[in-house]
Protein backbone atom coordinates (compact mmCIF):
# COMPACT_ATOMS: atom_id res chain seq x y z
CA MET A 1 90.06 174.48 166.26
CA THR A 2 88.45 176.88 163.99
CA GLY A 3 89.80 179.09 161.34
CA GLN A 4 91.27 175.91 159.34
CA PRO A 5 89.46 174.60 156.48
CA SER A 6 87.31 171.08 156.51
CA ASN A 7 88.28 168.08 154.68
CA ARG A 8 85.36 168.78 152.30
CA GLU A 9 87.06 171.94 151.46
CA VAL A 10 90.35 170.63 150.94
CA ILE A 11 89.58 168.12 149.12
CA ARG A 12 87.42 170.40 146.56
CA GLU A 13 90.10 173.11 146.50
CA THR A 14 92.59 170.09 145.72
CA LEU A 15 90.34 168.83 142.76
CA THR A 16 89.30 172.16 141.43
CA SER A 17 93.63 173.27 141.78
CA SER A 18 94.22 169.44 139.77
CA VAL A 19 91.41 169.88 137.20
CA ALA A 20 92.36 173.44 135.86
CA SER A 21 96.17 172.77 135.65
CA ALA A 22 97.71 171.50 132.34
CA GLY A 23 99.38 168.61 133.94
CA PHE A 24 96.50 167.02 135.20
CA TRP A 25 94.78 166.96 131.67
CA SER A 26 98.46 166.01 130.31
CA ALA A 27 98.27 163.01 132.67
CA ILE A 28 94.61 161.66 131.65
CA SER A 29 95.46 162.27 127.93
CA ALA A 30 98.41 160.41 128.40
CA VAL A 31 96.55 157.42 130.19
CA VAL A 32 93.86 157.35 127.89
CA GLY A 33 96.17 157.90 124.83
CA PHE A 34 98.35 154.94 125.37
CA VAL A 35 95.02 152.17 126.38
CA ALA A 36 93.29 153.71 123.56
CA THR A 37 96.39 153.28 120.98
CA LEU A 38 97.16 149.69 122.57
CA ALA A 39 94.30 148.67 121.86
CA GLY A 40 93.74 149.90 118.02
CA VAL A 41 96.72 148.00 117.22
CA VAL A 42 95.23 144.84 118.71
CA LEU A 43 92.18 145.29 116.83
CA VAL A 44 93.41 146.14 113.74
CA LEU A 45 95.81 142.98 113.58
CA THR A 46 93.10 140.65 114.66
CA ILE A 47 90.08 141.53 113.64
CA ASP A 48 89.58 142.45 109.82
CA GLU A 49 85.67 143.25 110.33
CA ILE A 50 85.91 145.91 112.24
CA ARG A 51 88.84 147.61 110.95
CA ASN A 52 87.52 150.97 110.51
CA VAL A 53 86.69 151.30 114.10
CA SER A 54 90.00 149.54 114.89
CA LEU A 55 91.62 152.66 112.69
CA THR A 56 89.50 155.25 114.56
CA VAL A 57 90.21 154.00 118.13
CA LEU A 58 94.34 153.96 117.24
CA ILE A 59 93.76 157.59 115.54
CA ILE A 60 92.26 158.75 118.79
CA GLY A 61 94.57 156.93 121.07
CA LEU A 62 97.49 158.79 118.98
CA VAL A 63 95.49 162.37 118.86
CA LEU A 64 95.52 162.29 122.38
CA LEU A 65 99.31 161.09 123.21
CA PHE A 66 100.11 164.45 121.07
CA ILE A 67 97.94 166.26 123.27
CA ALA A 68 99.34 165.32 126.66
CA LEU A 69 102.66 166.05 124.97
CA VAL A 70 101.62 169.42 124.22
CA LEU A 71 99.78 170.43 127.59
CA SER A 72 103.35 169.15 129.50
CA PRO A 73 105.96 169.33 127.23
CA ARG A 74 108.59 169.68 130.11
CA ALA A 75 107.39 167.24 132.61
CA ILE A 76 107.29 164.54 129.89
CA ALA A 77 110.83 165.92 128.97
CA MET A 78 111.95 165.43 132.18
CA PHE A 79 110.37 162.11 132.77
CA MET A 80 112.00 160.99 129.70
CA VAL A 81 115.69 162.35 130.78
CA GLY A 82 115.20 161.26 134.56
CA ARG A 83 116.01 157.50 135.95
CA ARG A 84 112.33 155.88 135.36
CA GLY A 85 112.37 157.82 131.50
CA ARG A 86 115.53 156.01 131.20
CA PHE A 87 114.56 152.59 131.66
CA GLY A 88 111.37 153.27 129.90
CA ALA A 89 113.24 153.69 126.67
CA ASN A 90 115.39 151.05 126.78
CA ALA A 91 112.29 148.54 127.82
CA ILE A 92 110.71 150.15 124.58
CA VAL A 93 114.06 149.80 122.58
CA MET A 94 114.51 146.66 123.65
CA THR A 95 110.57 145.37 123.11
CA LEU A 96 110.89 146.90 119.20
CA ALA A 97 114.38 145.36 118.69
CA PHE A 98 112.97 142.04 119.49
CA LEU A 99 109.58 142.35 117.68
CA LEU A 100 111.77 143.38 114.72
CA ILE A 101 114.34 140.39 115.04
CA ALA A 102 111.66 137.76 114.94
CA MET A 103 109.43 139.54 112.15
CA LEU A 104 112.99 139.09 109.90
CA VAL A 105 113.43 135.62 111.34
CA ASN A 106 109.56 135.01 110.47
CA PHE A 107 109.94 136.81 107.26
CA LEU A 108 113.28 134.56 106.48
CA PHE A 109 112.09 131.42 107.73
CA PHE A 110 108.78 132.20 104.82
CA ARG A 111 111.04 133.15 101.67
CA ALA A 112 113.07 129.77 102.26
CA SER A 113 112.08 126.12 100.87
CA THR A 114 112.19 124.35 104.27
CA ARG A 115 109.13 123.46 106.49
CA PHE A 116 109.26 121.61 109.85
CA ASP A 117 105.63 120.15 110.10
CA MET A 118 105.46 119.36 114.14
CA THR A 119 102.03 117.96 113.59
CA SER A 120 101.13 114.05 114.87
CA THR A 121 99.82 113.35 111.26
CA ARG A 122 101.75 115.92 109.17
CA VAL A 123 98.92 117.58 107.81
CA PHE A 124 100.44 120.71 106.89
CA SER A 125 102.92 119.11 104.67
CA LEU A 126 102.55 118.02 101.27
CA SER A 127 102.01 114.60 100.51
CA PRO A 128 104.61 112.19 98.37
CA GLN A 129 102.08 112.04 95.76
CA THR A 130 101.34 115.57 95.46
CA GLN A 131 105.23 116.12 95.55
CA GLN A 132 105.75 113.85 92.40
CA ILE A 133 102.88 115.29 90.29
CA LEU A 134 104.27 118.83 91.11
CA ASP A 135 107.75 118.08 90.37
CA ARG A 136 106.79 116.83 87.12
CA LEU A 137 104.56 119.86 85.78
CA ASP A 138 105.64 120.52 81.93
CA SER A 139 103.88 123.16 81.32
CA PRO A 140 102.23 126.13 83.27
CA VAL A 141 99.25 125.83 85.52
CA ARG A 142 97.31 128.65 87.61
CA ALA A 143 95.01 128.63 90.15
CA ASN A 144 92.11 131.14 89.81
CA ALA A 145 90.57 131.47 93.04
CA PHE A 146 87.50 133.43 93.38
CA PHE A 147 86.52 134.83 96.87
CA ILE A 148 84.39 137.56 97.59
CA PRO A 149 87.26 139.63 100.13
CA ASN A 150 86.26 140.18 103.98
CA ASP A 151 83.39 137.86 103.42
CA SER A 152 83.45 136.37 107.27
CA GLN A 153 81.57 133.21 106.28
CA ASN A 154 84.35 132.27 104.34
CA SER A 155 87.37 134.05 105.70
CA PHE A 156 88.80 130.11 107.03
CA ALA A 157 88.07 128.62 104.02
CA GLN A 158 89.58 131.62 102.10
CA GLN A 159 92.71 131.52 104.67
CA GLN A 160 93.23 127.52 103.84
CA ALA A 161 93.06 127.64 100.47
CA GLU A 162 95.42 130.50 100.21
CA ASP A 163 98.02 128.61 102.75
CA LEU A 164 97.43 125.41 100.01
CA LEU A 165 98.09 127.01 97.27
CA ASN A 166 101.32 128.69 98.35
CA GLU A 167 102.84 125.49 99.15
CA PHE A 168 101.85 124.35 95.78
CA GLN A 169 103.41 127.23 94.00
CA ARG A 170 106.48 126.71 96.83
CA ARG A 171 106.80 123.17 95.32
CA SER A 172 106.77 124.09 91.58
CA SER A 173 107.84 126.58 89.32
CA ASN A 174 105.76 125.90 86.80
CA PHE A 175 102.62 126.66 89.33
CA THR A 176 100.75 129.87 90.03
CA TYR A 177 97.67 131.49 91.58
CA ARG A 178 95.81 134.75 91.87
CA PHE A 179 92.79 135.78 94.27
CA ILE A 180 89.97 137.33 92.20
CA ASP A 181 86.92 139.50 93.15
CA PRO A 182 83.93 137.95 91.31
CA GLN A 183 81.82 141.13 92.27
CA LEU A 184 84.51 143.86 90.71
CA GLU A 185 85.85 141.64 87.77
CA ARG A 186 82.02 140.23 87.03
CA GLU A 187 83.77 139.85 83.41
CA GLN A 188 86.59 137.65 84.55
CA ALA A 189 84.05 135.54 86.31
CA LEU A 190 81.78 134.61 83.32
CA GLN A 191 85.07 134.13 81.46
CA TYR A 192 85.65 131.08 83.70
CA GLY A 193 82.09 129.64 83.98
CA VAL A 194 82.07 130.64 88.15
CA GLU A 195 78.92 131.75 88.57
CA GLN A 196 78.88 131.00 92.51
CA TYR A 197 81.34 131.68 95.11
CA PRO A 198 84.02 130.83 96.33
CA THR A 199 85.32 128.83 93.78
CA ILE A 200 88.67 127.60 92.58
CA VAL A 201 89.38 126.70 88.52
CA PHE A 202 92.60 125.48 87.89
CA GLU A 203 93.94 126.36 84.23
CA ASP A 204 96.64 124.76 81.94
CA VAL A 205 97.71 128.50 81.08
CA GLU A 206 98.91 126.63 77.42
CA SER A 207 96.13 124.50 76.22
CA GLY A 208 93.10 126.57 77.99
CA ASN A 209 91.75 123.29 80.00
CA GLN A 210 90.03 124.10 82.91
CA GLN A 211 88.77 122.56 86.28
CA GLY A 212 86.93 123.75 88.79
CA VAL A 213 87.22 122.79 92.46
CA PHE A 214 84.66 123.48 95.11
CA ASN A 215 86.41 121.63 98.23
CA TYR A 216 89.87 122.89 100.05
CA SER A 217 91.66 119.71 100.40
CA GLU A 218 95.04 118.94 98.89
CA GLN A 219 93.55 115.98 97.42
CA ASP A 220 90.91 118.05 95.52
CA PHE A 221 93.50 120.64 94.41
CA LEU A 222 95.45 117.56 93.09
CA THR A 223 92.43 116.34 91.25
CA GLY A 224 92.25 120.10 89.67
CA VAL A 225 95.72 119.70 88.62
CA LEU A 226 95.13 116.58 87.18
CA ILE A 227 92.27 117.41 84.67
CA ALA A 228 93.32 120.67 84.21
CA THR A 229 96.93 119.68 82.39
CA GLY A 230 94.73 117.22 80.03
CA ILE A 231 95.62 113.84 82.04
CA GLN A 232 92.89 111.62 80.45
CA GLN A 233 90.29 110.26 82.94
CA LYS A 234 90.45 106.22 82.59
CA ARG A 235 87.52 103.99 83.87
CA VAL A 236 87.47 101.50 86.76
CA TYR A 237 84.61 98.91 86.24
CA PHE A 238 82.91 97.28 90.01
CA LEU A 239 81.90 93.83 88.67
CA THR A 240 78.14 93.52 90.16
CA GLY A 241 75.90 91.32 90.13
CA HIS A 242 77.02 88.37 92.49
CA GLY A 243 76.54 89.81 95.42
CA GLU A 244 79.72 92.14 95.62
CA ALA A 245 79.31 95.45 97.61
CA PHE A 246 79.26 98.48 95.97
CA LEU A 247 77.36 101.98 96.56
CA THR A 248 75.44 102.09 100.13
CA ARG A 249 75.26 105.98 100.40
CA ASP A 250 71.81 107.08 101.11
CA PRO A 251 70.95 110.18 98.80
CA ALA A 252 68.58 111.41 101.66
CA THR A 253 70.52 111.33 104.62
CA GLY A 254 74.01 110.78 103.28
CA GLU A 255 74.85 107.57 105.44
CA THR A 256 76.44 104.75 103.94
CA ASP A 257 76.77 101.33 104.98
CA PRO A 258 80.10 99.68 106.58
CA ASN A 259 80.36 96.83 103.94
CA GLY A 260 79.87 99.13 100.94
CA TYR A 261 82.75 100.75 98.55
CA ASP A 262 81.28 104.35 98.67
CA PHE A 263 84.83 105.94 100.39
CA ALA A 264 86.99 103.66 97.67
CA ARG A 265 84.90 105.02 94.69
CA GLU A 266 85.57 108.54 96.27
CA GLY A 267 89.12 107.85 96.21
CA LEU A 268 89.12 106.90 93.11
CA LEU A 269 87.41 109.73 91.54
CA ARG A 270 90.02 111.72 93.64
CA ASP A 271 92.32 110.22 91.62
CA ASN A 272 91.09 111.33 88.40
CA TYR A 273 89.10 108.17 87.15
CA GLN A 274 85.75 107.74 86.31
CA ILE A 275 84.04 104.59 88.23
CA TRP A 276 81.37 102.85 86.51
CA PRO A 277 79.24 99.53 87.60
CA LEU A 278 79.53 96.48 85.46
CA ASN A 279 77.16 93.64 85.14
CA LEU A 280 78.57 90.64 83.01
CA LYS A 281 74.66 89.20 83.02
CA GLN A 282 73.86 92.02 81.23
CA ASP A 283 76.83 93.13 79.18
CA LEU A 284 78.42 89.94 78.43
CA ALA A 285 81.39 91.45 78.21
CA VAL A 286 83.95 93.75 79.82
CA PRO A 287 84.14 96.96 78.22
CA ALA A 288 87.05 97.95 76.01
CA ASP A 289 87.53 101.43 77.42
CA ALA A 290 88.11 99.03 81.09
CA ALA A 291 91.57 100.63 82.14
CA VAL A 292 91.21 98.22 85.70
CA LEU A 293 88.15 96.02 86.77
CA ILE A 294 87.55 95.74 90.19
CA ILE A 295 85.88 92.03 92.00
CA GLY A 296 84.76 93.13 95.62
CA GLY A 297 83.85 90.24 98.05
CA PRO A 298 81.21 87.92 95.68
CA ASP A 299 79.13 85.59 97.19
CA GLN A 300 77.38 84.08 94.22
CA ASP A 301 79.09 81.84 91.24
CA LEU A 302 79.63 83.22 88.12
CA SER A 303 77.66 81.82 85.25
CA ILE A 304 79.92 80.24 82.46
CA GLN A 305 79.17 83.11 79.82
CA GLU A 306 80.20 85.62 82.67
CA LEU A 307 83.46 83.57 82.97
CA ASP A 308 83.62 83.72 79.57
CA ALA A 309 83.98 87.12 79.19
CA LEU A 310 86.21 87.89 82.24
CA MET A 311 88.60 85.79 80.90
CA GLU A 312 88.07 87.14 77.09
CA TYR A 313 89.16 90.27 78.99
CA MET A 314 92.09 89.16 80.73
CA LEU A 315 93.47 87.47 77.30
CA ASP A 316 93.16 90.79 75.94
CA GLY A 317 96.12 92.24 78.69
CA GLY A 318 93.31 93.10 81.49
CA LYS A 319 93.61 94.39 84.72
CA LEU A 320 92.25 93.17 87.28
CA VAL A 321 91.99 93.52 91.54
CA ALA A 322 90.67 90.51 92.97
CA LEU A 323 89.46 91.08 96.94
CA LEU A 324 87.61 87.33 97.60
CA ASP A 325 87.59 86.23 101.08
CA THR A 326 87.37 82.36 102.96
CA ASP A 327 83.81 81.80 101.29
CA SER A 328 84.39 82.62 98.01
CA PRO A 329 82.62 81.02 95.40
CA GLY A 330 83.89 77.93 93.44
CA THR A 331 84.08 79.69 90.12
CA TYR A 332 86.57 82.74 91.07
CA ARG A 333 88.60 80.35 92.81
CA GLN A 334 88.68 78.45 89.04
CA PHE A 335 89.45 81.27 87.41
CA LEU A 336 92.33 82.33 89.42
CA ARG A 337 94.02 78.75 89.45
CA ARG A 338 94.14 79.40 85.63
CA TRP A 339 96.52 82.15 86.41
CA GLY A 340 98.46 79.68 88.51
CA VAL A 341 96.94 80.78 92.15
CA HIS A 342 95.12 78.47 94.45
CA ILE A 343 93.04 80.43 97.46
CA PHE A 344 92.91 78.98 100.65
CA GLU A 345 89.54 78.51 102.67
CA GLU A 346 90.89 78.95 106.32
CA SER A 347 91.44 82.50 108.17
CA VAL A 348 94.83 83.38 108.92
CA ALA A 349 95.90 83.87 112.43
CA ASP A 350 98.53 85.81 113.83
CA ILE A 351 99.90 85.72 117.12
CA VAL A 352 102.99 88.71 117.25
CA SER A 353 101.07 90.98 114.77
CA ASN A 354 97.32 91.50 115.26
CA VAL A 355 94.80 94.13 115.98
CA ALA A 356 93.84 94.30 119.69
CA GLY A 357 94.61 90.73 120.36
CA GLU A 358 92.27 89.64 117.54
CA LEU A 359 94.36 86.92 116.10
CA LEU A 360 91.92 86.15 113.47
CA THR A 361 92.78 89.90 112.29
CA PRO A 362 96.41 90.39 111.18
CA MET A 363 97.95 93.36 111.13
CA VAL A 364 100.90 94.22 108.90
CA GLN A 365 103.35 96.35 109.31
CA LYS A 366 106.69 97.40 107.67
CA SER A 367 108.84 97.33 110.44
CA ASN A 368 108.19 93.79 110.62
CA LEU A 369 108.95 93.28 106.68
CA GLN A 370 105.85 91.97 105.90
CA PHE A 371 105.52 94.24 102.31
CA ASN A 372 107.07 93.31 99.39
CA THR A 373 108.33 96.52 97.96
CA SER A 374 109.84 97.39 94.69
CA GLY A 375 113.58 97.00 96.05
CA ALA A 376 112.73 93.20 95.86
CA SER A 377 109.67 92.79 92.76
CA GLY A 378 110.15 96.11 91.11
CA ILE A 379 106.03 96.51 91.98
CA PRO A 380 105.93 99.87 94.01
CA ILE A 381 101.92 99.32 95.26
CA ALA A 382 103.23 98.70 99.05
CA ASP A 383 106.78 101.04 99.22
CA GLN A 384 105.34 103.76 100.51
CA VAL A 385 102.68 101.66 103.12
CA ASN A 386 103.19 101.19 106.95
CA VAL A 387 100.64 99.53 107.98
CA ALA A 388 97.75 97.94 106.96
CA PHE A 389 95.15 94.58 108.75
CA PHE A 390 92.81 92.77 107.30
CA PRO A 391 89.95 91.39 109.13
CA GLY A 392 89.27 87.75 108.62
CA VAL A 393 91.98 87.22 105.78
CA THR A 394 92.33 84.45 104.08
CA ALA A 395 95.80 83.01 102.22
CA LEU A 396 97.53 82.87 98.57
CA THR A 397 99.84 80.27 97.32
CA LEU A 398 100.98 79.23 94.09
CA ALA A 399 98.79 76.66 92.51
CA LEU A 400 101.54 74.30 91.37
CA PRO A 401 105.03 74.11 92.46
CA PRO A 402 107.34 76.92 91.71
CA GLU A 403 109.80 74.66 89.63
CA ASP A 404 106.52 73.52 87.69
CA LEU A 405 105.41 77.42 86.81
CA PRO A 406 105.73 78.72 83.31
CA PRO A 407 108.38 80.86 82.30
CA PHE A 408 105.20 83.35 81.23
CA ILE A 409 103.56 83.60 84.53
CA GLN A 410 105.45 85.27 87.40
CA TYR A 411 104.01 85.82 90.70
CA ASP A 412 104.55 87.95 93.57
CA THR A 413 104.11 88.15 97.18
CA LEU A 414 102.51 91.36 97.93
CA ILE A 415 101.71 91.01 101.66
CA SER A 416 102.50 87.85 103.66
CA SER A 417 101.77 87.49 107.02
CA THR A 418 104.62 86.64 110.57
CA PRO A 419 106.38 83.43 110.79
CA ALA A 420 104.39 83.25 114.11
CA SER A 421 100.67 82.85 111.61
CA TRP A 422 99.10 79.89 110.80
CA LEU A 423 96.04 78.82 108.92
CA GLU A 424 93.70 78.41 111.29
CA THR A 425 90.83 75.22 110.77
CA ASN A 426 88.62 75.72 114.14
CA PRO A 427 87.58 79.36 114.20
CA ASP A 428 86.13 78.56 117.61
CA GLU A 429 89.18 77.89 119.52
CA VAL A 430 92.13 79.59 117.95
CA GLU A 431 95.13 77.50 118.53
CA PHE A 432 97.85 76.23 116.53
CA GLU A 433 97.54 72.57 115.95
CA THR A 434 100.90 71.54 114.72
CA GLU A 435 98.98 68.62 113.05
CA THR A 436 96.13 70.32 111.13
CA ASP A 437 97.15 73.71 110.89
CA LEU A 438 99.98 75.27 108.15
CA GLY A 439 102.03 77.44 109.51
CA GLY A 440 103.72 80.62 108.14
CA PRO A 441 104.54 82.62 107.03
CA LEU A 442 101.73 83.01 104.64
CA ASP A 443 100.84 85.23 101.48
CA LEU A 444 97.84 87.64 102.16
CA ALA A 445 98.38 89.37 98.99
CA ALA A 446 99.91 88.95 95.82
CA VAL A 447 100.65 90.37 92.20
CA VAL A 448 100.08 87.56 88.85
CA GLN A 449 101.67 89.15 85.57
CA ALA A 450 101.14 86.69 82.92
CA GLY A 451 101.08 86.09 79.03
CA GLY A 452 98.98 83.02 79.43
CA THR A 453 97.44 80.60 81.55
CA LEU A 454 98.00 77.26 83.28
CA ASP A 455 95.76 75.55 80.81
CA GLY A 456 97.19 76.90 77.76
CA GLN A 457 95.45 79.67 76.45
CA VAL A 458 97.95 83.10 75.39
CA VAL A 459 97.32 86.61 76.04
CA THR A 460 96.15 88.02 72.19
CA ASN A 461 97.51 91.85 72.91
CA PRO A 462 101.30 91.34 71.90
CA ASP A 463 101.71 94.60 73.78
CA THR A 464 101.15 93.81 77.40
CA VAL A 465 100.32 91.11 79.62
CA ALA A 466 97.92 90.64 82.01
CA LYS A 467 97.82 91.68 85.73
CA LEU A 468 96.34 90.52 88.48
CA VAL A 469 96.19 91.99 92.05
CA ILE A 470 94.84 89.73 94.72
CA PHE A 471 94.09 90.10 97.88
CA GLY A 472 92.59 87.37 100.59
CA ASP A 473 90.18 90.18 102.15
CA SER A 474 87.72 92.13 101.16
CA ASP A 475 86.85 93.70 104.28
CA PHE A 476 90.00 95.86 104.50
CA ALA A 477 88.72 97.95 101.78
CA ARG A 478 85.18 98.67 102.89
CA ASN A 479 83.94 101.62 104.27
CA GLY A 480 84.04 100.52 107.56
CA PHE A 481 87.89 100.06 107.60
CA PHE A 482 89.02 102.10 104.54
CA PHE A 483 90.36 105.14 106.23
CA SER A 484 91.90 102.74 109.15
CA SER A 485 95.80 102.38 109.17
CA GLU A 486 96.87 102.87 105.57
CA ASN A 487 94.04 100.26 103.49
CA ALA A 488 92.97 102.88 101.50
CA ASP A 489 96.62 103.55 100.20
CA LEU A 490 96.33 99.52 99.33
CA LEU A 491 93.94 99.72 97.32
CA LEU A 492 94.07 102.86 95.30
CA ASN A 493 97.85 102.38 94.93
CA SER A 494 97.35 98.69 93.15
CA VAL A 495 94.62 100.15 90.87
CA ASN A 496 96.82 102.55 89.88
CA TRP A 497 99.84 100.52 89.48
CA LEU A 498 97.54 98.43 86.95
CA ALA A 499 96.54 101.53 85.02
CA GLU A 500 99.93 102.97 84.71
CA ASP A 501 99.37 105.82 86.87
CA PHE A 502 102.95 105.24 88.65
CA ASP A 503 103.17 108.91 89.58
CA LEU A 504 100.12 108.52 91.97
CA ILE A 505 101.30 105.79 93.80
CA ALA A 506 101.95 107.35 96.67
CA VAL A 507 100.33 108.21 100.71
CA ARG A 508 97.59 109.97 99.75
CA PRO A 509 97.04 113.50 101.74
CA LYS A 510 96.08 113.17 105.19
CA LEU A 511 92.43 114.58 106.72
CA VAL A 512 93.11 117.38 109.15
CA PRO A 513 92.34 115.32 112.36
CA PHE A 514 89.32 117.27 114.55
CA ARG A 515 90.53 117.35 118.34
CA GLU A 516 88.20 118.35 120.91
CA LEU A 517 88.90 119.03 124.73
CA VAL A 518 85.33 117.33 126.32
CA VAL A 519 84.79 119.11 129.65
CA ASN A 520 81.74 119.04 132.20
CA GLN A 521 80.48 122.21 133.80
CA ARG A 522 82.59 122.41 136.63
CA GLU A 523 85.84 121.86 134.81
CA ARG A 524 84.82 124.46 132.27
CA ASN A 525 84.31 126.85 135.13
CA PHE A 526 87.41 125.72 136.51
CA ILE A 527 89.55 126.70 133.11
CA LYS A 528 87.39 130.19 132.81
CA TRP A 529 88.17 131.21 136.00
CA SER A 530 92.05 130.18 136.80
CA SER A 531 92.65 131.32 133.54
CA TRP A 532 91.03 134.57 133.70
CA LEU A 533 92.88 135.01 138.09
CA VAL A 534 95.82 133.13 137.80
CA PRO A 535 98.30 135.31 135.90
CA PRO A 536 97.10 138.18 137.53
CA ILE A 537 97.75 136.74 140.85
CA ILE A 538 100.81 135.48 139.72
CA MET A 539 102.38 138.89 138.32
CA LEU A 540 100.91 140.47 141.97
CA ILE A 541 103.22 138.14 143.96
CA PHE A 542 106.19 138.73 141.67
CA GLY A 543 105.27 142.73 142.24
CA VAL A 544 105.05 142.33 145.98
CA ILE A 545 108.44 140.20 145.93
CA ALA A 546 110.23 143.13 144.19
CA TRP A 547 108.61 145.91 146.25
CA TRP A 548 109.40 143.97 149.15
CA ARG A 549 113.61 143.43 148.07
CA ARG A 550 113.79 147.24 147.35
CA ARG A 551 111.84 148.89 150.24
């Protein structure tokens, strides 16, 4: 037919009329403005590094929405009063109400003192040790956190530090904190001696004592509080010179030997102790400032002079942790017998409570009543310890019948095996022999408090008694097993009790576990594409179903 416009002309006229109309530009402005506003809000709330760009996008979106309103006020008004407009307004109001309620609930939970830590290892809860110390702060302590704002390299560390400091402040009214920009407040940074950032300086406000911390764990913060409040650092000595394990960390690579006590030393340092080695062959005396002496797995005998020096220290009210094994040298066994303790030479096997079927590695569990707590003995070392294990442990017992024990020697079992245990005389064939093997329960660790020895020597210090915490195993505290179960807490709590730092006897803060999902390339691609495609497809299916039902 002639005289009728072609399709191309119709499309051109339609586009020309649409472009010339205010409604077209109003719709374009509304769509682009809505998208820009939404994107701007999301960017402002999530990415601090591009805040200026995010605000610019947000402002552009709001301007475009305003332009859409100006160009077609009547269409917008009709839409708002129409059915779709009312439904849309109701949806917006309900969404805003939901967000407001969520914000209000979040604010109330933030202000409340109750916290719900749903993590498996309770990594976001302050440990009992930290709570005890914060509850007993009797002077104001302030943490001065020197961080550069908006520093992308340290943003995670700053958030981690702020979360932990906030928990400290919530726990104690005597603890406060503040963040200081060391670039803008240079004088204040110099006043606290801060030259590298980030740094947190814990300060006793009344005395002025300060302690800088460069790591952001709960234990490091707790150490900073202890030193700032003026608690004197006591000295703990490790006996050396007889094959005892001590420090093995390579200064170049940082690697440690599984048989060393590097982790034990670091744990004691975090508990605010000074750690020193002691070679009695050289010094011939235990220093007078020794709060605790640790003997860790010796394999060589003491000389007569060294044994005399050790006895002199104990008779002056010394405090000793002895980590011995089945093959401990004879002089150490003789030393313990003078304090009323006999240590066996056989390994303990336990058929009921052990590690992965290894009968010669007994596992000690509170649920089996294998820990002797302060309720029975008055010794709180194991009060909050639930599980520990001892590879190749031997047993302890009294050196003479209980009725013959002098009244000035008190022997208390600290840890015992189950009744289904025994002393294995043939480690090549681990099996209980009623004729030769001594059955359980057996003492794996014990505490001795004595005013003298069995051979008549008396503690010369009238204000105290000699105290010994004796373990039939030295491996549980070595690097290879120190962080297994709660082995670390057993050793550190023993030192705390002997040093009379009773506030420190608790379960230490746990490290944040690192969990990683390991996948191959095919699994990675499946996760990526399914996360991109599956949600839109599901929404499309629901949309089609809704359209089909309403058509």
